[in-house]
Amino acid sequence: MSDPLLTDRLGAVLDALERIPDRFDGIEAPTDFLATKQGVDRMDAICMVLIAAGEALKQIDRK
């Protein structure tokens, strides 16, 4: 994988991971994720970002 492409992919992963703390606004305890539909939606969003970041890093590792 070329260096500019690697830099772009790592930058995209970093950007996605940096959005996670914003998704925790209003979450004080783990049970807050399950207390409301909005909490579940936040948990889903955080999990999807983590899954996507992991998949992107696996793709980089394979190349």
C-alpha atoms as a PDB file:
ATOM      1  CA  MET A   1       0.000   0.000   0.000  1.00  0.00           C
ATOM      2  CA  SER A   2       1.387   3.386  -0.936  1.00  0.00           C
ATOM      3  CA  ASP A   3       2.204   5.854   1.820  1.00  0.00           C
ATOM      4  CA  PRO A   4      -0.382   8.494   0.776  1.00  0.00           C
ATOM      5  CA  LEU A   5      -3.131   5.865   0.677  1.00  0.00           C
ATOM      6  CA  LEU A   6      -2.051   4.491   4.043  1.00  0.00           C
ATOM      7  CA  THR A   7      -2.013   7.990   5.503  1.00  0.00           C
ATOM      8  CA  ASP A   8      -5.502   8.676   4.135  1.00  0.00           C
ATOM      9  CA  ARG A   9      -6.928   5.441   5.530  1.00  0.00           C
ATOM     10  CA  LEU A  10      -5.344   5.924   8.936  1.00  0.00           C
ATOM     11  CA  GLY A  11      -6.622   9.511   8.959  1.00  0.00           C
ATOM     12  CA  ALA A  12     -10.150   8.317   8.218  1.00  0.00           C
ATOM     13  CA  VAL A  13      -9.943   5.756  11.034  1.00  0.00           C
ATOM     14  CA  LEU A  14      -8.649   8.399  13.432  1.00  0.00           C
ATOM     15  CA  ASP A  15     -11.417  10.839  12.448  1.00  0.00           C
ATOM     16  CA  ALA A  16     -14.051   8.183  13.103  1.00  0.00           C
ATOM     17  CA  LEU A  17     -12.563   7.216  16.467  1.00  0.00           C
ATOM     18  CA  GLU A  18     -12.323  10.851  17.550  1.00  0.00           C
ATOM     19  CA  ARG A  19     -16.107  11.183  17.139  1.00  0.00           C
ATOM     20  CA  ILE A  20     -16.779   8.499  19.753  1.00  0.00           C
ATOM     21  CA  PRO A  21     -16.386  10.721  22.852  1.00  0.00           C
ATOM     22  CA  ASP A  22     -19.124  13.017  21.490  1.00  0.00           C
ATOM     23  CA  ARG A  23     -21.473  10.036  21.375  1.00  0.00           C
ATOM     24  CA  PHE A  24     -20.966   9.539  25.128  1.00  0.00           C
ATOM     25  CA  ASP A  25     -22.480  12.942  26.003  1.00  0.00           C
ATOM     26  CA  GLY A  26     -25.162  12.370  28.621  1.00  0.00           C
ATOM     27  CA  ILE A  27     -24.051   8.823  29.393  1.00  0.00           C
ATOM     28  CA  GLU A  28     -23.151   8.572  33.080  1.00  0.00           C
ATOM     29  CA  ALA A  29     -23.351   4.807  33.618  1.00  0.00           C
ATOM     30  CA  PRO A  30     -23.446   1.720  31.394  1.00  0.00           C
ATOM     31  CA  THR A  31     -27.137   1.283  32.161  1.00  0.00           C
ATOM     32  CA  ASP A  32     -27.825   4.649  30.491  1.00  0.00           C
ATOM     33  CA  PHE A  33     -27.277   2.954  27.142  1.00  0.00           C
ATOM     34  CA  LEU A  34     -30.215   0.627  27.767  1.00  0.00           C
ATOM     35  CA  ALA A  35     -32.524   3.023  29.611  1.00  0.00           C
ATOM     36  CA  THR A  36     -33.874   4.742  26.486  1.00  0.00           C
ATOM     37  CA  LYS A  37     -34.120   4.232  22.747  1.00  0.00           C
ATOM     38  CA  GLN A  38     -31.688   7.130  22.303  1.00  0.00           C
ATOM     39  CA  GLY A  39     -29.212   5.371  24.585  1.00  0.00           C
ATOM     40  CA  VAL A  40     -29.454   2.188  22.552  1.00  0.00           C
ATOM     41  CA  ASP A  41     -28.994   4.228  19.361  1.00  0.00           C
ATOM     42  CA  ARG A  42     -25.852   5.804  20.835  1.00  0.00           C
ATOM     43  CA  MET A  43     -24.489   2.407  21.817  1.00  0.00           C
ATOM     44  CA  ASP A  44     -25.201   1.106  18.305  1.00  0.00           C
ATOM     45  CA  ALA A  45     -23.431   4.101  16.761  1.00  0.00           C
ATOM     46  CA  ILE A  46     -20.366   3.679  18.965  1.00  0.00           C
ATOM     47  CA  CYS A  47     -20.207  -0.043  18.236  1.00  0.00           C
ATOM     48  CA  MET A  48     -20.505   0.521  14.495  1.00  0.00           C
ATOM     49  CA  VAL A  49     -17.635   3.023  14.529  1.00  0.00           C
ATOM     50  CA  LEU A  50     -15.466   0.564  16.476  1.00  0.00           C
ATOM     51  CA  ILE A  51     -16.345  -2.282  14.108  1.00  0.00           C
ATOM     52  CA  ALA A  52     -15.651  -0.154  11.031  1.00  0.00           C
ATOM     53  CA  ALA A  53     -12.331   1.041  12.469  1.00  0.00           C
ATOM     54  CA  GLY A  54     -11.298  -2.530  13.224  1.00  0.00           C
ATOM     55  CA  GLU A  55     -12.211  -3.672   9.728  1.00  0.00           C
ATOM     56  CA  ALA A  56     -10.311  -0.766   8.173  1.00  0.00           C
ATOM     57  CA  LEU A  57      -7.231  -1.596  10.229  1.00  0.00           C
ATOM     58  CA  LYS A  58      -7.478  -5.256   9.196  1.00  0.00           C
ATOM     59  CA  GLN A  59      -7.582  -4.163   5.548  1.00  0.00           C
ATOM     60  CA  ILE A  60      -4.454  -2.074   6.063  1.00  0.00           C
ATOM     61  CA  ASP A  61      -2.713  -4.974   7.803  1.00  0.00           C
ATOM     62  CA  ARG A  62      -3.509  -7.340   4.917  1.00  0.00           C
ATOM     63  CA  LYS A  63      -1.967  -5.017   2.347  1.00  0.00           C
END
